[in-house]
Amino acid sequence: MLRSKLFWSLVVFLPLVTGCTVGPDYQKPVITSPIQFKEAKGWKVATPLDAEAKGSWWEVYNDPVLNQLEAQVIISNQNIAQYVAKYQQAAALVDQSRSSLFPSVTLGPSATRSGKTAVTNSYTASLGASWELDLWGRLKRQVQENTASTQASLADLANATLSAQTTLAQSYFALRVLDQRIHLYDQTIEVYRKYSQVLNAKYTEGIIAKSDLTQADQSLHSSIASREDLIWQRAQYEHAIAVLVGKMPADFNLEKQNKAVYIPNIPIELPSELLERRADIAAAERRVAAANEAIGIAIAGYFPSLSLSSSAGYSSNHLSDLFSAATSIWSLGASATQSVLDFGSNKAKVASARAAYDQTVASYRQTVLDAMQNVEDYLVKSTSLEKEFSAQQKALAAATESARIIRNQYEEGVIDYTSVATTEATRLSSQQSLLQLQSTQLQNSVALISALGGGWSNQNP
């Protein structure tokens, strides 16, 4: 009987809940994208899978160690963990706001004992319900705003994850190229050390001038110093990788590895697909949607709010007959509130919401412009680096041949050792520059993949 009274008291007001939703309906801001990237001439166009996960894009580099490290980033990186928690908070807010669309039911049993000249007891058991009717769509828009914010938070999580994966890959490749450069210095130092020993013996026998010996020692110790400079750089990259995978630098170690790193060919997406793929663009667009709903919430403040309340139960001075028909009680009520004079407060809220919306639209469009610039920058850099790498290879070949000729001339006694030291230094510098260019190419390729949203389809159009 109690449930029946409560149910019907609420149903009486159900026709009142049908109302209108005030405020503008969301329209996604229009962005005009170019037909193709300016710097994408000669690049293969990919077919993106916008609705699917991007996958393990780093696997295109065919490096098992990198694959293992990237898998640890998602699990152990603490920056990503923070974004996971932020997303969970946003999702909880959606559930909280959605619950406001439904009645709130409370159970209220009580017992009191009072007296002055005589003692009296009072027992009550009641079931109450209250419901704020969403006549103007304020609560609905609150749910939609929180939902859009949650989607933006999820996109932020994806963007933070991609950023950490990108930083890890770039740090890893920088470290691996440093391994090659250090190995090159190891070989060079060994050659210089042996040659210095030979020249020392010749100087002792009076065959050569002391200047030849000191020049050889200068080349040896200069190479040792340069090697040490690369050692601390490698250590710093190793420390950075440790933090990215959630480990203490003291507990993390990457064995040296002297082998060339594979640089993949990266197919390029069309600009229109880029808008749907990049997580930062998605996050910015979802924030525009959330700001649009906030306008409707503010406009709803101009209209009255209506709440229904209902309760039913029993009240008696004797516990034994508490639940008898004679002790039943019930109540049914409605309340409305309307702002009559607020001195422009709500008008200011609406104006603020509209300005906030305009801000998010501008931010969204700027995010798209920045994304387009990033891709264009990395494309032109990639093209130039390929040409630069090819030219540097030719320069190294010429420097190697020049060093060979000069060394033969020195062995024949035609020239002094200064010329040998100069050409050897040029050859070593050219070889180091070539490796440094390879490092730049690798990091630029990772940055380009990241700028494209972290992957592409393996299917050709």
Protein backbone atom coordinates (compact mmCIF):
# COMPACT_ATOMS: atom_id res chain seq x y z
CA MET A 1 0.00 0.00 0.00
CA LEU A 2 2.84 2.38 0.88
CA ARG A 3 4.54 1.76 -2.44
CA SER A 4 1.26 2.25 -4.29
CA LYS A 5 0.65 5.66 -2.72
CA LEU A 6 4.18 6.81 -3.48
CA PHE A 7 4.00 5.55 -7.05
CA TRP A 8 0.69 7.19 -7.92
CA SER A 9 1.61 10.47 -6.26
CA LEU A 10 4.57 10.75 -8.64
CA VAL A 11 2.65 9.60 -11.71
CA VAL A 12 0.16 12.44 -11.22
CA PHE A 13 2.87 14.88 -12.25
CA LEU A 14 4.36 12.92 -15.17
CA PRO A 15 2.56 15.02 -17.83
CA LEU A 16 4.40 18.05 -16.49
CA VAL A 17 7.83 16.71 -17.33
CA THR A 18 7.40 17.15 -21.05
CA GLY A 19 9.03 20.45 -21.83
CA CYS A 20 11.45 22.08 -24.22
CA THR A 21 15.22 22.26 -24.25
CA VAL A 22 16.50 25.83 -24.31
CA GLY A 23 19.82 26.89 -25.77
CA PRO A 24 21.56 26.25 -29.13
CA ASP A 25 21.91 22.74 -30.53
CA TYR A 26 25.52 21.79 -31.16
CA GLN A 27 26.96 22.20 -34.65
CA LYS A 28 30.54 21.11 -35.23
CA PRO A 29 32.68 24.10 -36.33
CA VAL A 30 33.50 24.00 -40.02
CA ILE A 31 37.19 23.57 -40.87
CA THR A 32 38.27 23.85 -44.51
CA SER A 33 41.21 21.53 -45.07
CA PRO A 34 43.46 21.55 -48.17
CA ILE A 35 43.15 18.80 -50.78
CA GLN A 36 46.70 17.64 -50.06
CA PHE A 37 49.74 18.61 -48.05
CA LYS A 38 51.99 21.17 -49.71
CA GLU A 39 55.16 19.21 -48.90
CA ALA A 40 53.76 15.72 -49.68
CA LYS A 41 54.89 15.57 -53.31
CA GLY A 42 56.06 12.07 -54.12
CA TRP A 43 54.69 10.54 -50.91
CA LYS A 44 52.32 7.58 -50.98
CA VAL A 45 48.85 8.37 -49.64
CA ALA A 46 47.56 5.98 -46.97
CA THR A 47 44.04 4.81 -46.27
CA PRO A 48 43.43 5.63 -42.60
CA LEU A 49 41.21 3.60 -40.29
CA ASP A 50 39.84 6.50 -38.28
CA ALA A 51 37.41 4.50 -36.18
CA GLU A 52 39.94 1.85 -35.15
CA ALA A 53 42.82 1.78 -32.70
CA LYS A 54 46.09 2.96 -34.18
CA GLY A 55 48.00 -0.08 -33.00
CA SER A 56 51.69 -0.53 -32.31
CA TRP A 57 53.06 1.94 -34.85
CA TRP A 58 56.61 1.62 -33.50
CA GLU A 59 56.80 -1.96 -34.79
CA VAL A 60 57.56 -0.60 -38.29
CA TYR A 61 61.12 -0.01 -37.04
CA ASN A 62 61.65 -3.76 -36.50
CA ASP A 63 63.39 -3.35 -33.14
CA PRO A 64 62.41 -5.97 -30.48
CA VAL A 65 63.89 -3.93 -27.62
CA LEU A 66 61.88 -0.86 -28.60
CA ASN A 67 58.75 -3.01 -28.83
CA GLN A 68 59.25 -4.22 -25.25
CA LEU A 69 59.86 -0.71 -23.93
CA GLU A 70 56.80 0.74 -25.67
CA ALA A 71 54.62 -1.96 -24.13
CA GLN A 72 55.82 -0.87 -20.66
CA VAL A 73 54.92 2.80 -21.27
CA ILE A 74 51.17 2.16 -21.27
CA ILE A 75 51.41 0.11 -18.08
CA SER A 76 53.97 1.98 -15.99
CA ASN A 77 54.24 5.59 -17.17
CA GLN A 78 53.02 7.83 -14.35
CA ASN A 79 51.99 10.74 -16.58
CA ILE A 80 49.66 8.39 -18.44
CA ALA A 81 48.39 7.10 -15.10
CA GLN A 82 47.38 10.66 -14.20
CA TYR A 83 45.37 10.99 -17.40
CA VAL A 84 43.71 7.63 -16.75
CA ALA A 85 42.59 8.92 -13.35
CA LYS A 86 41.32 12.17 -14.91
CA TYR A 87 39.27 10.19 -17.41
CA GLN A 88 37.81 8.04 -14.64
CA GLN A 89 36.83 11.19 -12.74
CA ALA A 90 35.12 12.61 -15.82
CA ALA A 91 33.25 9.34 -16.44
CA ALA A 92 32.01 9.35 -12.84
CA LEU A 93 30.66 12.88 -13.31
CA VAL A 94 28.58 11.64 -16.24
CA ASP A 95 27.01 8.96 -14.07
CA GLN A 96 26.41 11.53 -11.34
CA SER A 97 24.71 14.03 -13.66
CA ARG A 98 22.64 11.30 -15.34
CA SER A 99 21.24 10.22 -11.96
CA SER A 100 19.76 13.72 -11.51
CA LEU A 101 17.28 12.96 -14.31
CA PHE A 102 15.50 10.47 -12.05
CA PRO A 103 13.68 10.74 -8.71
CA SER A 104 15.62 10.49 -5.48
CA VAL A 105 14.06 8.04 -2.99
CA THR A 106 14.83 8.07 0.73
CA LEU A 107 13.83 5.78 3.60
CA GLY A 108 13.35 7.43 7.00
CA PRO A 109 12.62 5.29 10.06
CA SER A 110 12.76 7.12 13.43
CA ALA A 111 11.98 6.58 17.10
CA THR A 112 11.81 9.24 19.83
CA ARG A 113 11.08 9.21 23.55
CA SER A 114 10.17 12.42 25.35
CA GLY A 115 8.46 13.54 28.49
CA LYS A 116 7.92 16.15 31.17
CA THR A 117 5.27 14.96 33.63
CA ALA A 118 4.59 11.88 31.46
CA VAL A 119 6.72 9.89 29.08
CA THR A 120 5.57 9.48 25.47
CA ASN A 121 7.00 7.46 22.61
CA SER A 122 6.81 8.26 18.89
CA TYR A 123 7.61 5.86 16.05
CA THR A 124 7.71 6.75 12.37
CA ALA A 125 8.50 4.81 9.18
CA SER A 126 8.34 6.73 5.92
CA LEU A 127 9.39 6.48 2.31
CA GLY A 128 9.96 9.76 0.48
CA ALA A 129 10.75 10.80 -3.07
CA SER A 130 11.79 14.06 -4.71
CA TRP A 131 12.21 14.90 -8.35
CA GLU A 132 13.41 18.00 -10.14
CA LEU A 133 11.58 18.17 -13.45
CA ASP A 134 13.83 18.95 -16.40
CA LEU A 135 11.33 21.29 -18.09
CA TRP A 136 13.94 23.36 -19.95
CA GLY A 137 16.55 20.68 -20.64
CA ARG A 138 19.08 21.98 -18.10
CA LEU A 139 19.75 18.56 -16.59
CA LYS A 140 19.87 16.92 -20.01
CA ARG A 141 22.41 19.46 -21.20
CA GLN A 142 24.43 18.90 -18.03
CA VAL A 143 24.66 15.21 -18.94
CA GLN A 144 25.63 16.09 -22.50
CA GLU A 145 28.24 18.59 -21.30
CA ASN A 146 29.80 16.04 -18.95
CA THR A 147 29.69 13.39 -21.66
CA ALA A 148 31.53 15.65 -24.11
CA SER A 149 34.05 16.52 -21.40
CA THR A 150 34.59 12.81 -20.75
CA GLN A 151 35.19 12.20 -24.44
CA ALA A 152 37.68 15.08 -24.43
CA SER A 153 39.38 13.54 -21.40
CA LEU A 154 39.61 10.20 -23.21
CA ALA A 155 41.17 11.96 -26.20
CA ASP A 156 43.60 13.70 -23.82
CA LEU A 157 44.56 10.26 -22.51
CA ALA A 158 45.18 9.01 -26.04
CA ASN A 159 47.22 12.11 -26.84
CA ALA A 160 49.29 11.79 -23.65
CA THR A 161 49.91 8.12 -24.43
CA LEU A 162 51.03 8.92 -27.97
CA SER A 163 53.25 11.72 -26.65
CA ALA A 164 54.97 9.38 -24.17
CA GLN A 165 55.38 6.70 -26.86
CA THR A 166 56.83 9.28 -29.24
CA THR A 167 59.28 10.63 -26.67
CA LEU A 168 60.38 7.10 -25.82
CA ALA A 169 60.99 6.18 -29.46
CA GLN A 170 62.94 9.38 -30.12
CA SER A 171 65.04 8.94 -26.97
CA TYR A 172 65.67 5.30 -27.83
CA PHE A 173 66.83 6.04 -31.37
CA ALA A 174 69.05 8.89 -30.16
CA LEU A 175 70.64 6.43 -27.73
CA ARG A 176 71.12 3.75 -30.38
CA VAL A 177 72.83 6.16 -32.78
CA LEU A 178 75.05 7.27 -29.90
CA ASP A 179 75.98 3.59 -29.49
CA GLN A 180 77.18 3.61 -33.11
CA ARG A 181 79.06 6.87 -32.65
CA ILE A 182 80.74 5.65 -29.47
CA HIS A 183 81.69 2.42 -31.25
CA LEU A 184 83.21 4.48 -34.05
CA TYR A 185 85.29 6.41 -31.52
CA ASP A 186 86.35 3.13 -29.90
CA GLN A 187 87.70 1.92 -33.23
CA THR A 188 89.29 5.27 -34.00
CA ILE A 189 90.94 5.54 -30.57
CA GLU A 190 92.36 2.04 -30.96
CA VAL A 191 93.84 2.96 -34.35
CA TYR A 192 95.22 6.26 -33.01
CA ARG A 193 96.71 4.52 -29.98
CA LYS A 194 98.53 1.94 -32.11
CA TYR A 195 99.75 4.60 -34.52
CA SER A 196 100.95 6.73 -31.62
CA GLN A 197 102.98 3.77 -30.35
CA VAL A 198 104.53 3.31 -33.79
CA LEU A 199 105.39 7.01 -34.04
CA ASN A 200 106.83 6.98 -30.53
CA ALA A 201 109.18 4.17 -31.54
CA LYS A 202 110.20 6.05 -34.68
CA TYR A 203 110.81 9.22 -32.67
CA THR A 204 112.99 7.28 -30.22
CA GLU A 205 115.02 6.03 -33.17
CA GLY A 206 115.28 9.60 -34.48
CA ILE A 207 113.38 8.86 -37.68
CA ILE A 208 110.64 11.47 -37.24
CA ALA A 209 110.30 14.88 -35.67
CA LYS A 210 108.71 15.29 -32.25
CA SER A 211 105.92 17.34 -33.83
CA ASP A 212 104.67 14.23 -35.58
CA LEU A 213 104.45 12.42 -32.24
CA THR A 214 102.67 15.27 -30.45
CA GLN A 215 100.24 15.64 -33.35
CA ALA A 216 99.40 11.94 -33.09
CA ASP A 217 98.92 12.23 -29.32
CA GLN A 218 96.68 15.25 -29.84
CA SER A 219 94.45 13.25 -32.21
CA LEU A 220 94.31 10.36 -29.74
CA HIS A 221 93.35 12.40 -26.69
CA SER A 222 90.96 14.60 -28.64
CA SER A 223 89.07 11.47 -29.70
CA ILE A 224 89.02 10.17 -26.11
CA ALA A 225 87.54 13.49 -24.93
CA SER A 226 84.91 13.45 -27.69
CA ARG A 227 83.97 9.90 -26.77
CA GLU A 228 83.42 10.89 -23.14
CA ASP A 229 81.10 13.67 -24.29
CA LEU A 230 78.94 11.06 -26.00
CA ILE A 231 79.03 8.76 -22.95
CA TRP A 232 77.21 11.22 -20.67
CA GLN A 233 74.73 12.04 -23.43
CA ARG A 234 73.90 8.35 -23.77
CA ALA A 235 73.49 8.05 -20.00
CA GLN A 236 70.98 10.90 -19.95
CA TYR A 237 68.89 9.28 -22.69
CA GLU A 238 68.99 6.02 -20.75
CA HIS A 239 67.76 7.82 -17.63
CA ALA A 240 64.96 9.47 -19.61
CA ILE A 241 63.84 6.10 -21.01
CA ALA A 242 63.83 4.63 -17.49
CA VAL A 243 61.45 7.34 -16.26
CA LEU A 244 59.20 6.92 -19.31
CA VAL A 245 58.72 3.22 -18.50
CA GLY A 246 58.16 3.99 -14.81
CA LYS A 247 61.48 2.80 -13.42
CA MET A 248 64.22 4.36 -11.33
CA PRO A 249 67.27 5.23 -13.48
CA ALA A 250 69.48 3.32 -11.02
CA ASP A 251 67.49 0.13 -11.72
CA PHE A 252 67.45 0.42 -15.50
CA ASN A 253 70.08 -0.48 -18.05
CA LEU A 254 70.15 -0.78 -21.84
CA GLU A 255 73.00 -2.84 -23.24
CA LYS A 256 75.06 -1.18 -25.95
CA GLN A 257 74.09 -2.21 -29.44
CA ASN A 258 76.12 -1.37 -32.51
CA LYS A 259 73.90 -1.85 -35.51
CA ALA A 260 72.19 0.38 -38.02
CA VAL A 261 68.58 1.35 -37.28
CA TYR A 262 65.95 0.82 -39.95
CA ILE A 263 64.13 3.96 -41.18
CA PRO A 264 60.71 3.01 -42.62
CA ASN A 265 58.86 4.61 -45.48
CA ILE A 266 55.88 6.50 -44.05
CA PRO A 267 52.73 6.81 -46.18
CA ILE A 268 50.92 10.12 -45.80
CA GLU A 269 47.25 10.63 -45.06
CA LEU A 270 45.00 13.16 -46.68
CA PRO A 271 44.47 16.32 -44.59
CA SER A 272 40.76 15.54 -44.11
CA GLU A 273 41.58 12.19 -42.48
CA LEU A 274 44.13 13.88 -40.23
CA LEU A 275 41.34 15.92 -38.64
CA GLU A 276 39.64 12.72 -37.50
CA ARG A 277 42.74 10.81 -36.50
CA ARG A 278 44.63 13.16 -34.18
CA ALA A 279 43.60 12.90 -30.55
CA ASP A 280 44.40 16.54 -29.74
CA ILE A 281 42.02 17.68 -32.50
CA ALA A 282 39.32 15.32 -31.20
CA ALA A 283 39.79 16.65 -27.65
CA ALA A 284 39.52 20.26 -28.82
CA GLU A 285 36.33 19.52 -30.78
CA ARG A 286 34.72 17.74 -27.81
CA ARG A 287 35.46 20.76 -25.63
CA VAL A 288 33.58 22.91 -28.14
CA ALA A 289 30.60 20.58 -27.75
CA ALA A 290 30.82 20.80 -23.94
CA ALA A 291 30.98 24.61 -24.10
CA ASN A 292 27.91 24.67 -26.33
CA GLU A 293 25.92 22.72 -23.73
CA ALA A 294 27.07 25.15 -21.04
CA ILE A 295 25.29 27.95 -22.95
CA GLY A 296 22.01 26.06 -22.74
CA ILE A 297 22.53 25.43 -19.02
CA ALA A 298 23.07 29.15 -18.45
CA ILE A 299 20.00 30.11 -20.53
CA ALA A 300 17.87 27.70 -18.48
CA GLY A 301 18.60 29.94 -15.51
CA TYR A 302 16.08 32.44 -16.93
CA PHE A 303 13.25 29.96 -16.45
CA PRO A 304 11.63 28.61 -13.28
CA SER A 305 12.65 25.28 -11.80
CA LEU A 306 9.94 22.87 -10.61
CA SER A 307 10.43 20.13 -8.05
CA LEU A 308 8.01 17.45 -6.90
CA SER A 309 8.04 15.77 -3.54
CA SER A 310 6.07 12.89 -2.13
CA SER A 311 6.18 10.84 1.03
CA ALA A 312 4.13 8.05 2.56
CA GLY A 313 4.50 6.08 5.74
CA TYR A 314 3.26 5.37 9.23
CA SER A 315 3.40 7.23 12.54
CA SER A 316 2.30 5.92 15.94
CA ASN A 317 2.97 6.25 19.65
CA HIS A 318 2.95 2.48 19.95
CA LEU A 319 5.36 0.25 18.07
CA SER A 320 2.88 -2.61 18.04
CA ASP A 321 0.35 -0.83 15.84
CA LEU A 322 2.85 1.21 13.75
CA PHE A 323 1.96 -0.46 10.46
CA SER A 324 -1.82 -0.41 10.82
CA ALA A 325 -4.06 1.41 8.35
CA ALA A 326 -5.13 3.91 10.99
CA THR A 327 -1.55 5.21 11.47
CA SER A 328 -0.71 5.74 7.78
CA ILE A 329 0.37 9.21 6.68
CA TRP A 330 1.19 10.73 3.31
CA SER A 331 2.07 14.03 1.67
CA LEU A 332 2.33 15.36 -1.85
CA GLY A 333 3.81 18.67 -2.88
CA ALA A 334 5.31 20.76 -5.60
CA SER A 335 7.58 23.78 -5.45
CA ALA A 336 8.72 26.27 -8.04
CA THR A 337 11.48 28.86 -7.91
CA GLN A 338 11.92 31.74 -10.30
CA SER A 339 14.50 34.48 -10.18
CA VAL A 340 12.69 37.83 -10.15
CA LEU A 341 15.61 40.22 -9.73
CA ASP A 342 19.27 39.19 -9.96
CA PHE A 343 20.76 42.48 -11.22
CA GLY A 344 22.05 40.87 -14.43
CA SER A 345 23.72 37.87 -12.82
CA ASN A 346 22.21 35.26 -15.15
CA LYS A 347 22.70 37.49 -18.18
CA ALA A 348 26.38 37.66 -17.28
CA LYS A 349 26.47 33.84 -16.95
CA VAL A 350 25.04 33.43 -20.44
CA ALA A 351 27.49 35.98 -21.86
CA SER A 352 30.35 34.19 -20.12
CA ALA A 353 29.22 30.82 -21.50
CA ARG A 354 29.00 32.23 -25.04
CA ALA A 355 32.48 33.76 -24.72
CA ALA A 356 33.83 30.46 -23.40
CA TYR A 357 32.28 28.73 -26.42
CA ASP A 358 33.95 31.20 -28.81
CA GLN A 359 37.24 30.55 -27.04
CA THR A 360 36.96 26.79 -27.50
CA VAL A 361 36.08 27.23 -31.19
CA ALA A 362 39.19 29.38 -31.69
CA SER A 363 41.26 26.84 -29.76
CA TYR A 364 39.89 24.02 -31.93
CA ARG A 365 40.72 25.84 -35.14
CA GLN A 366 44.19 26.74 -33.87
CA THR A 367 44.77 23.08 -32.96
CA VAL A 368 43.92 22.09 -36.52
CA LEU A 369 46.25 24.76 -37.94
CA ASP A 370 49.06 23.61 -35.65
CA ALA A 371 48.48 19.99 -36.70
CA MET A 372 48.69 20.91 -40.38
CA GLN A 373 51.86 22.91 -39.76
CA ASN A 374 53.44 20.00 -37.86
CA VAL A 375 52.89 17.60 -40.73
CA GLU A 376 54.12 20.08 -43.34
CA ASP A 377 57.23 20.82 -41.24
CA TYR A 378 58.13 17.15 -40.80
CA LEU A 379 57.45 16.37 -44.45
CA VAL A 380 59.75 19.06 -45.79
CA LYS A 381 62.37 18.21 -43.16
CA SER A 382 62.23 14.54 -44.16
CA THR A 383 62.73 15.37 -47.82
CA SER A 384 65.64 17.69 -47.08
CA LEU A 385 67.25 15.22 -44.70
CA GLU A 386 67.22 12.52 -47.38
CA LYS A 387 69.09 14.84 -49.76
CA GLU A 388 71.44 15.96 -46.99
CA PHE A 389 72.15 12.34 -46.01
CA SER A 390 72.96 11.43 -49.61
CA ALA A 391 75.33 14.40 -49.93
CA GLN A 392 76.99 13.54 -46.61
CA GLN A 393 77.56 9.97 -47.77
CA LYS A 394 79.42 11.31 -50.79
CA ALA A 395 81.38 13.70 -48.57
CA LEU A 396 82.40 10.79 -46.32
CA ALA A 397 83.49 8.72 -49.30
CA ALA A 398 85.64 11.61 -50.52
CA ALA A 399 87.09 12.24 -47.04
CA THR A 400 87.93 8.53 -46.65
CA GLU A 401 89.72 8.43 -50.00
CA SER A 402 91.56 11.67 -49.22
CA ALA A 403 92.72 10.27 -45.86
CA ARG A 404 93.97 7.11 -47.56
CA ILE A 405 95.97 9.07 -50.14
CA ILE A 406 97.50 11.42 -47.56
CA ARG A 407 98.45 8.53 -45.27
CA ASN A 408 100.22 6.76 -48.19
CA GLN A 409 102.09 9.96 -48.99
CA TYR A 410 103.18 10.26 -45.36
CA GLU A 411 104.36 6.62 -45.33
CA GLU A 412 106.43 7.45 -48.42
CA GLY A 413 107.92 10.49 -46.65
CA VAL A 414 106.45 13.01 -49.03
CA ILE A 415 104.56 15.07 -46.39
CA ASP A 416 104.60 15.54 -42.62
CA TYR A 417 102.12 14.06 -40.15
CA THR A 418 100.12 17.28 -39.82
CA SER A 419 98.41 16.59 -43.14
CA VAL A 420 97.59 13.04 -42.02
CA ALA A 421 96.05 14.29 -38.75
CA THR A 422 94.01 16.91 -40.60
CA THR A 423 92.54 14.50 -43.15
CA GLU A 424 91.88 11.84 -40.49
CA ALA A 425 90.05 14.40 -38.37
CA THR A 426 88.00 15.41 -41.41
CA ARG A 427 87.13 11.78 -42.17
CA LEU A 428 86.11 11.10 -38.55
CA SER A 429 84.04 14.27 -38.39
CA SER A 430 82.31 13.38 -41.66
CA GLN A 431 81.51 9.89 -40.40
CA GLN A 432 80.15 11.25 -37.12
CA SER A 433 78.06 13.80 -39.01
CA LEU A 434 76.56 11.03 -41.12
CA LEU A 435 75.50 9.15 -37.98
CA GLN A 436 74.11 12.32 -36.46
CA LEU A 437 72.05 12.86 -39.60
CA GLN A 438 70.73 9.33 -39.26
CA SER A 439 69.65 10.15 -35.71
CA THR A 440 67.86 13.27 -36.93
CA GLN A 441 66.12 11.27 -39.66
CA LEU A 442 64.91 8.69 -37.16
CA GLN A 443 63.57 11.26 -34.74
CA ASN A 444 61.88 13.17 -37.55
CA SER A 445 60.21 9.99 -38.82
CA VAL A 446 58.84 9.31 -35.33
CA ALA A 447 57.63 12.91 -35.08
CA LEU A 448 55.92 12.60 -38.48
CA ILE A 449 54.11 9.41 -37.41
CA SER A 450 53.01 11.17 -34.23
CA ALA A 451 51.85 14.24 -36.20
CA LEU A 452 49.76 11.93 -38.39
CA GLY A 453 48.01 10.66 -35.27
CA GLY A 454 50.13 7.59 -34.58
CA GLY A 455 49.76 5.19 -37.48
CA TRP A 456 48.01 4.42 -40.71
CA SER A 457 46.27 1.61 -42.55
CA ASN A 458 48.31 -1.07 -44.33
CA GLN A 459 45.81 -1.03 -47.18
CA ASN A 460 46.55 0.92 -50.32
CA PRO A 461 43.84 3.03 -51.98
